[in-house]
Amino acid sequence: MVAEYASTENVSPYGVRVKTDRPWRPDTRVLVKSSHGEPWARARVVYCQTLQSKMFAVGLEFFARAGDWIAAV
């Protein structure tokens, strides 16, 4: 299991875009945790885009609507 801190760029009831230090392979299943603790959300990597600053933008799609998770962000 790999853990990584990421900063949130965009969030919706269906997914989130985060900035990470390393690339993530599309279709990888991930567990997303709010920096405030609970709740958790299961998601899959939809895309990984290289950014100029040696960072990566990763698009995640939630497996279920994550309204409570959005309120925690």
PDB file of N, CA and C in Angstrom:
ATOM      1  N   MET A   1       0.846  -1.179   0.000  1.00  0.00           N
ATOM      2  CA  MET A   1       0.000   0.000   0.000  1.00  0.00           C
ATOM      3  C   MET A   1       0.888   1.237   0.000  1.00  0.00           C
ATOM      4  N   VAL A   2       0.578   2.179  -0.856  1.00  0.00           N
ATOM      5  CA  VAL A   2       1.322   3.430  -0.964  1.00  0.00           C
ATOM      6  C   VAL A   2       0.462   4.550  -0.412  1.00  0.00           C
ATOM      7  N   ALA A   3       1.045   5.414   0.398  1.00  0.00           N
ATOM      8  CA  ALA A   3       0.327   6.573   0.933  1.00  0.00           C
ATOM      9  C   ALA A   3       1.033   7.833   0.464  1.00  0.00           C
ATOM     10  N   GLU A   4       0.251   8.841   0.158  1.00  0.00           N
ATOM     11  CA  GLU A   4       0.822  10.108  -0.301  1.00  0.00           C
ATOM     12  C   GLU A   4      -0.106  11.249   0.086  1.00  0.00           C
ATOM     13  N   TYR A   5       0.484  12.338   0.553  1.00  0.00           N
ATOM     14  CA  TYR A   5      -0.280  13.559   0.790  1.00  0.00           C
ATOM     15  C   TYR A   5      -0.429  14.278  -0.538  1.00  0.00           C
ATOM     16  N   ALA A   6      -1.607  14.829  -0.786  1.00  0.00           N
ATOM     17  CA  ALA A   6      -1.873  15.546  -2.029  1.00  0.00           C
ATOM     18  C   ALA A   6      -2.715  16.770  -1.711  1.00  0.00           C
ATOM     19  N   SER A   7      -2.542  17.809  -2.508  1.00  0.00           N
ATOM     20  CA  SER A   7      -3.366  19.005  -2.325  1.00  0.00           C
ATOM     21  C   SER A   7      -4.534  18.961  -3.303  1.00  0.00           C
ATOM     22  N   THR A   8      -5.687  19.359  -2.820  1.00  0.00           N
ATOM     23  CA  THR A   8      -6.904  19.341  -3.624  1.00  0.00           C
ATOM     24  C   THR A   8      -6.969  20.579  -4.495  1.00  0.00           C
ATOM     25  N   GLU A   9      -7.235  20.380  -5.784  1.00  0.00           N
ATOM     26  CA  GLU A   9      -7.409  21.504  -6.710  1.00  0.00           C
ATOM     27  C   GLU A   9      -8.875  21.744  -7.037  1.00  0.00           C
ATOM     28  N   ASN A  10      -9.643  20.665  -7.128  1.00  0.00           N
ATOM     29  CA  ASN A  10     -11.029  20.773  -7.554  1.00  0.00           C
ATOM     30  C   ASN A  10     -11.777  19.573  -6.984  1.00  0.00           C
ATOM     31  N   VAL A  11     -12.990  19.785  -6.523  1.00  0.00           N
ATOM     32  CA  VAL A  11     -13.766  18.680  -5.965  1.00  0.00           C
ATOM     33  C   VAL A  11     -15.229  18.810  -6.365  1.00  0.00           C
ATOM     34  N   SER A  12     -15.872  17.671  -6.611  1.00  0.00           N
ATOM     35  CA  SER A  12     -17.295  17.638  -6.942  1.00  0.00           C
ATOM     36  C   SER A  12     -17.888  16.396  -6.276  1.00  0.00           C
ATOM     37  N   PRO A  13     -19.208  16.218  -6.358  1.00  0.00           N
ATOM     38  CA  PRO A  13     -19.802  15.015  -5.771  1.00  0.00           C
ATOM     39  C   PRO A  13     -19.322  13.723  -6.447  1.00  0.00           C
ATOM     40  N   TYR A  14     -18.740  13.835  -7.640  1.00  0.00           N
ATOM     41  CA  TYR A  14     -18.365  12.656  -8.423  1.00  0.00           C
ATOM     42  C   TYR A  14     -16.868  12.386  -8.466  1.00  0.00           C
ATOM     43  N   GLY A  15     -16.053  13.340  -8.041  1.00  0.00           N
ATOM     44  CA  GLY A  15     -14.616  13.125  -8.099  1.00  0.00           C
ATOM     45  C   GLY A  15     -13.826  14.310  -7.585  1.00  0.00           C
ATOM     46  N   VAL A  16     -12.511  14.196  -7.733  1.00  0.00           N
ATOM     47  CA  VAL A  16     -11.609  15.226  -7.230  1.00  0.00           C
ATOM     48  C   VAL A  16     -10.356  15.251  -8.104  1.00  0.00           C
ATOM     49  N   ARG A  17      -9.753  16.417  -8.225  1.00  0.00           N
ATOM     50  CA  ARG A  17      -8.460  16.567  -8.894  1.00  0.00           C
ATOM     51  C   ARG A  17      -7.472  16.988  -7.814  1.00  0.00           C
ATOM     52  N   VAL A  18      -6.371  16.247  -7.723  1.00  0.00           N
ATOM     53  CA  VAL A  18      -5.358  16.531  -6.715  1.00  0.00           C
ATOM     54  C   VAL A  18      -3.994  16.689  -7.371  1.00  0.00           C
ATOM     55  N   LYS A  19      -3.091  17.394  -6.685  1.00  0.00           N
ATOM     56  CA  LYS A  19      -1.695  17.509  -7.117  1.00  0.00           C
ATOM     57  C   LYS A  19      -0.859  16.580  -6.254  1.00  0.00           C
ATOM     58  N   THR A  20      -0.007  15.777  -6.906  1.00  0.00           N
ATOM     59  CA  THR A  20       0.819  14.807  -6.199  1.00  0.00           C
ATOM     60  C   THR A  20       2.280  14.938  -6.619  1.00  0.00           C
ATOM     61  N   ASP A  21       3.147  14.286  -5.854  1.00  0.00           N
ATOM     62  CA  ASP A  21       4.582  14.298  -6.150  1.00  0.00           C
ATOM     63  C   ASP A  21       4.998  13.222  -7.141  1.00  0.00           C
ATOM     64  N   ARG A  22       4.128  12.261  -7.397  1.00  0.00           N
ATOM     65  CA  ARG A  22       4.498  11.167  -8.287  1.00  0.00           C
ATOM     66  C   ARG A  22       3.340  10.843  -9.217  1.00  0.00           C
ATOM     67  N   PRO A  23       3.634  10.207 -10.345  1.00  0.00           N
ATOM     68  CA  PRO A  23       2.554   9.845 -11.266  1.00  0.00           C
ATOM     69  C   PRO A  23       1.745   8.659 -10.739  1.00  0.00           C
ATOM     70  N   TRP A  24       0.480   8.637 -11.117  1.00  0.00           N
ATOM     71  CA  TRP A  24      -0.407   7.528 -10.772  1.00  0.00           C
ATOM     72  C   TRP A  24      -0.957   6.939 -12.064  1.00  0.00           C
ATOM     73  N   ARG A  25      -1.012   5.637 -12.156  1.00  0.00           N
ATOM     74  CA  ARG A  25      -1.477   4.943 -13.359  1.00  0.00           C
ATOM     75  C   ARG A  25      -3.006   4.964 -13.429  1.00  0.00           C
ATOM     76  N   PRO A  26      -3.572   5.303 -14.602  1.00  0.00           N
ATOM     77  CA  PRO A  26      -5.029   5.259 -14.766  1.00  0.00           C
ATOM     78  C   PRO A  26      -5.590   3.883 -14.397  1.00  0.00           C
ATOM     79  N   ASP A  27      -6.787   3.897 -13.854  1.00  0.00           N
ATOM     80  CA  ASP A  27      -7.532   2.726 -13.378  1.00  0.00           C
ATOM     81  C   ASP A  27      -7.018   2.166 -12.055  1.00  0.00           C
ATOM     82  N   THR A  28      -6.010   2.810 -11.447  1.00  0.00           N
ATOM     83  CA  THR A  28      -5.572   2.413 -10.114  1.00  0.00           C
ATOM     84  C   THR A  28      -6.674   2.767  -9.120  1.00  0.00           C
ATOM     85  N   ARG A  29      -6.981   1.860  -8.229  1.00  0.00           N
ATOM     86  CA  ARG A  29      -7.991   2.122  -7.192  1.00  0.00           C
ATOM     87  C   ARG A  29      -7.296   2.732  -5.984  1.00  0.00           C
ATOM     88  N   VAL A  30      -7.902   3.783  -5.446  1.00  0.00           N
ATOM     89  CA  VAL A  30      -7.300   4.500  -4.319  1.00  0.00           C
ATOM     90  C   VAL A  30      -8.337   4.730  -3.225  1.00  0.00           C
ATOM     91  N   LEU A  31      -7.836   5.001  -2.048  1.00  0.00           N
ATOM     92  CA  LEU A  31      -8.662   5.368  -0.908  1.00  0.00           C
ATOM     93  C   LEU A  31      -8.281   6.797  -0.547  1.00  0.00           C
ATOM     94  N   VAL A  32      -9.241   7.705  -0.597  1.00  0.00           N
ATOM     95  CA  VAL A  32      -8.991   9.128  -0.371  1.00  0.00           C
ATOM     96  C   VAL A  32      -9.459   9.486   1.034  1.00  0.00           C
ATOM     97  N   LYS A  33      -8.618  10.203   1.759  1.00  0.00           N
ATOM     98  CA  LYS A  33      -8.964  10.633   3.113  1.00  0.00           C
ATOM     99  C   LYS A  33      -8.850  12.149   3.188  1.00  0.00           C
ATOM    100  N   SER A  34      -9.829  12.784   3.769  1.00  0.00           N
ATOM    101  CA  SER A  34      -9.790  14.229   3.989  1.00  0.00           C
ATOM    102  C   SER A  34      -8.686  14.563   4.985  1.00  0.00           C
ATOM    103  N   SER A  35      -8.075  15.724   4.848  1.00  0.00           N
ATOM    104  CA  SER A  35      -7.051  16.157   5.806  1.00  0.00           C
ATOM    105  C   SER A  35      -7.655  16.414   7.186  1.00  0.00           C
ATOM    106  N   HIS A  36      -8.976  16.482   7.254  1.00  0.00           N
ATOM    107  CA  HIS A  36      -9.676  16.686   8.524  1.00  0.00           C
ATOM    108  C   HIS A  36     -10.005  15.364   9.215  1.00  0.00           C
ATOM    109  N   GLY A  37      -9.524  14.262   8.658  1.00  0.00           N
ATOM    110  CA  GLY A  37      -9.792  12.941   9.241  1.00  0.00           C
ATOM    111  C   GLY A  37     -10.845  12.195   8.464  1.00  0.00           C
ATOM    112  N   GLU A  38     -11.953  11.909   9.092  1.00  0.00           N
ATOM    113  CA  GLU A  38     -13.058  11.199   8.442  1.00  0.00           C
ATOM    114  C   GLU A  38     -13.792  12.155   7.521  1.00  0.00           C
ATOM    115  N   PRO A  39     -14.517  11.715   6.563  1.00  0.00           N
ATOM    116  CA  PRO A  39     -14.691  10.349   6.101  1.00  0.00           C
ATOM    117  C   PRO A  39     -13.685   9.969   5.014  1.00  0.00           C
ATOM    118  N   TRP A  40     -13.746   8.730   4.596  1.00  0.00           N
ATOM    119  CA  TRP A  40     -12.924   8.192   3.526  1.00  0.00           C
ATOM    120  C   TRP A  40     -13.791   8.044   2.281  1.00  0.00           C
ATOM    121  N   ALA A  41     -13.160   8.015   1.106  1.00  0.00           N
ATOM    122  CA  ALA A  41     -13.891   7.762  -0.135  1.00  0.00           C
ATOM    123  C   ALA A  41     -13.046   6.855  -1.022  1.00  0.00           C
ATOM    124  N   ARG A  42     -13.674   5.879  -1.634  1.00  0.00           N
ATOM    125  CA  ARG A  42     -12.988   5.009  -2.596  1.00  0.00           C
ATOM    126  C   ARG A  42     -13.114   5.644  -3.971  1.00  0.00           C
ATOM    127  N   ALA A  43     -12.018   5.580  -4.734  1.00  0.00           N
ATOM    128  CA  ALA A  43     -12.008   6.212  -6.055  1.00  0.00           C
ATOM    129  C   ALA A  43     -11.072   5.445  -6.982  1.00  0.00           C
ATOM    130  N   ARG A  44     -11.103   5.821  -8.253  1.00  0.00           N
ATOM    131  CA  ARG A  44     -10.157   5.268  -9.225  1.00  0.00           C
ATOM    132  C   ARG A  44      -9.506   6.420  -9.967  1.00  0.00           C
ATOM    133  N   VAL A  45      -8.270   6.218 -10.392  1.00  0.00           N
ATOM    134  CA  VAL A  45      -7.545   7.228 -11.158  1.00  0.00           C
ATOM    135  C   VAL A  45      -8.099   7.230 -12.580  1.00  0.00           C
ATOM    136  N   VAL A  46      -8.548   8.397 -13.041  1.00  0.00           N
ATOM    137  CA  VAL A  46      -9.062   8.552 -14.396  1.00  0.00           C
ATOM    138  C   VAL A  46      -7.952   9.048 -15.316  1.00  0.00           C
ATOM    139  N   TYR A  47      -7.152  10.004 -14.833  1.00  0.00           N
ATOM    140  CA  TYR A  47      -6.041  10.519 -15.632  1.00  0.00           C
ATOM    141  C   TYR A  47      -4.929  10.999 -14.715  1.00  0.00           C
ATOM    142  N   CYS A  48      -3.741  11.116 -15.298  1.00  0.00           N
ATOM    143  CA  CYS A  48      -2.594  11.684 -14.593  1.00  0.00           C
ATOM    144  C   CYS A  48      -1.872  12.591 -15.581  1.00  0.00           C
ATOM    145  N   GLN A  49      -1.772  13.854 -15.253  1.00  0.00           N
ATOM    146  CA  GLN A  49      -1.222  14.869 -16.148  1.00  0.00           C
ATOM    147  C   GLN A  49       0.053  15.438 -15.531  1.00  0.00           C
ATOM    148  N   THR A  50       1.132  15.481 -16.311  1.00  0.00           N
ATOM    149  CA  THR A  50       2.385  16.059 -15.835  1.00  0.00           C
ATOM    150  C   THR A  50       2.273  17.577 -15.817  1.00  0.00           C
ATOM    151  N   LEU A  51       2.667  18.190 -14.708  1.00  0.00           N
ATOM    152  CA  LEU A  51       2.665  19.646 -14.571  1.00  0.00           C
ATOM    153  C   LEU A  51       4.092  20.170 -14.711  1.00  0.00           C
ATOM    154  N   GLN A  52       4.258  21.465 -14.889  1.00  0.00           N
ATOM    155  CA  GLN A  52       5.576  22.065 -15.106  1.00  0.00           C
ATOM    156  C   GLN A  52       6.500  21.931 -13.903  1.00  0.00           C
ATOM    157  N   SER A  53       5.972  21.923 -12.723  1.00  0.00           N
ATOM    158  CA  SER A  53       6.785  21.969 -11.508  1.00  0.00           C
ATOM    159  C   SER A  53       7.175  20.583 -10.981  1.00  0.00           C
ATOM    160  N   LYS A  54       7.309  19.605 -11.872  1.00  0.00           N
ATOM    161  CA  LYS A  54       7.625  18.218 -11.490  1.00  0.00           C
ATOM    162  C   LYS A  54       6.573  17.638 -10.551  1.00  0.00           C
ATOM    163  N   MET A  55       5.367  18.131 -10.699  1.00  0.00           N
ATOM    164  CA  MET A  55       4.212  17.631  -9.954  1.00  0.00           C
ATOM    165  C   MET A  55       3.271  16.975 -10.966  1.00  0.00           C
ATOM    166  N   PHE A  56       2.249  16.323 -10.454  1.00  0.00           N
ATOM    167  CA  PHE A  56       1.288  15.639 -11.309  1.00  0.00           C
ATOM    168  C   PHE A  56      -0.127  15.982 -10.859  1.00  0.00           C
ATOM    169  N   ALA A  57      -1.000  16.222 -11.820  1.00  0.00           N
ATOM    170  CA  ALA A  57      -2.419  16.435 -11.540  1.00  0.00           C
ATOM    171  C   ALA A  57      -3.112  15.102 -11.792  1.00  0.00           C
ATOM    172  N   VAL A  58      -3.818  14.625 -10.790  1.00  0.00           N
ATOM    173  CA  VAL A  58      -4.468  13.321 -10.877  1.00  0.00           C
ATOM    174  C   VAL A  58      -5.970  13.506 -10.724  1.00  0.00           C
ATOM    175  N   GLY A  59      -6.705  13.016 -11.704  1.00  0.00           N
ATOM    176  CA  GLY A  59      -8.161  13.057 -11.652  1.00  0.00           C
ATOM    177  C   GLY A  59      -8.691  11.765 -11.073  1.00  0.00           C
ATOM    178  N   LEU A  60      -9.483  11.868 -10.019  1.00  0.00           N
ATOM    179  CA  LEU A  60     -10.047  10.699  -9.349  1.00  0.00           C
ATOM    180  C   LEU A  60     -11.563  10.709  -9.465  1.00  0.00           C
ATOM    181  N   GLU A  61     -12.131   9.565  -9.777  1.00  0.00           N
ATOM    182  CA  GLU A  61     -13.582   9.406  -9.844  1.00  0.00           C
ATOM    183  C   GLU A  61     -14.027   8.576  -8.643  1.00  0.00           C
ATOM    184  N   PHE A  62     -14.955   9.129  -7.842  1.00  0.00           N
ATOM    185  CA  PHE A  62     -15.479   8.398  -6.693  1.00  0.00           C
ATOM    186  C   PHE A  62     -16.350   7.238  -7.170  1.00  0.00           C
ATOM    187  N   PHE A  63     -16.334   6.126  -6.436  1.00  0.00           N
ATOM    188  CA  PHE A  63     -17.199   4.992  -6.761  1.00  0.00           C
ATOM    189  C   PHE A  63     -18.635   5.246  -6.330  1.00  0.00           C
ATOM    190  N   ALA A  64     -18.839   6.109  -5.360  1.00  0.00           N
ATOM    191  CA  ALA A  64     -20.172   6.496  -4.897  1.00  0.00           C
ATOM    192  C   ALA A  64     -20.149   8.001  -4.661  1.00  0.00           C
ATOM    193  N   ARG A  65     -21.308   8.636  -4.744  1.00  0.00           N
ATOM    194  CA  ARG A  65     -21.355  10.075  -4.453  1.00  0.00           C
ATOM    195  C   ARG A  65     -20.737  10.337  -3.106  1.00  0.00           C
ATOM    196  N   ALA A  66     -19.981  11.410  -3.028  1.00  0.00           N
ATOM    197  CA  ALA A  66     -19.228  11.688  -1.802  1.00  0.00           C
ATOM    198  C   ALA A  66     -19.594  13.043  -1.223  1.00  0.00           C
ATOM    199  N   GLY A  67     -20.864  13.305  -1.065  1.00  0.00           N
ATOM    200  CA  GLY A  67     -21.315  14.593  -0.544  1.00  0.00           C
ATOM    201  C   GLY A  67     -20.764  14.914   0.827  1.00  0.00           C
ATOM    202  N   ASP A  68     -20.732  13.927   1.722  1.00  0.00           N
ATOM    203  CA  ASP A  68     -20.188  14.155   3.061  1.00  0.00           C
ATOM    204  C   ASP A  68     -18.701  14.444   3.006  1.00  0.00           C
ATOM    205  N   TRP A  69     -17.999  13.792   2.075  1.00  0.00           N
ATOM    206  CA  TRP A  69     -16.559  14.009   1.935  1.00  0.00           C
ATOM    207  C   TRP A  69     -16.286  15.437   1.475  1.00  0.00           C
ATOM    208  N   ILE A  70     -17.103  15.937   0.562  1.00  0.00           N
ATOM    209  CA  ILE A  70     -16.925  17.298   0.048  1.00  0.00           C
ATOM    210  C   ILE A  70     -17.088  18.310   1.170  1.00  0.00           C
ATOM    211  N   ALA A  71     -18.045  18.099   2.036  1.00  0.00           N
ATOM    212  CA  ALA A  71     -18.265  19.022   3.148  1.00  0.00           C
ATOM    213  C   ALA A  71     -17.074  19.050   4.091  1.00  0.00           C
ATOM    214  N   ALA A  72     -16.305  17.960   4.144  1.00  0.00           N
ATOM    215  CA  ALA A  72     -15.159  17.878   5.049  1.00  0.00           C
ATOM    216  C   ALA A  72     -13.912  18.535   4.479  1.00  0.00           C
ATOM    217  N   VAL A  73     -13.865  18.765   3.180  1.00  0.00           N
ATOM    218  CA  VAL A  73     -12.654  19.315   2.545  1.00  0.00           C
ATOM    219  C   VAL A  73     -12.504  20.753   2.810  1.00  0.00           C
TER     220      VAL A  73
END
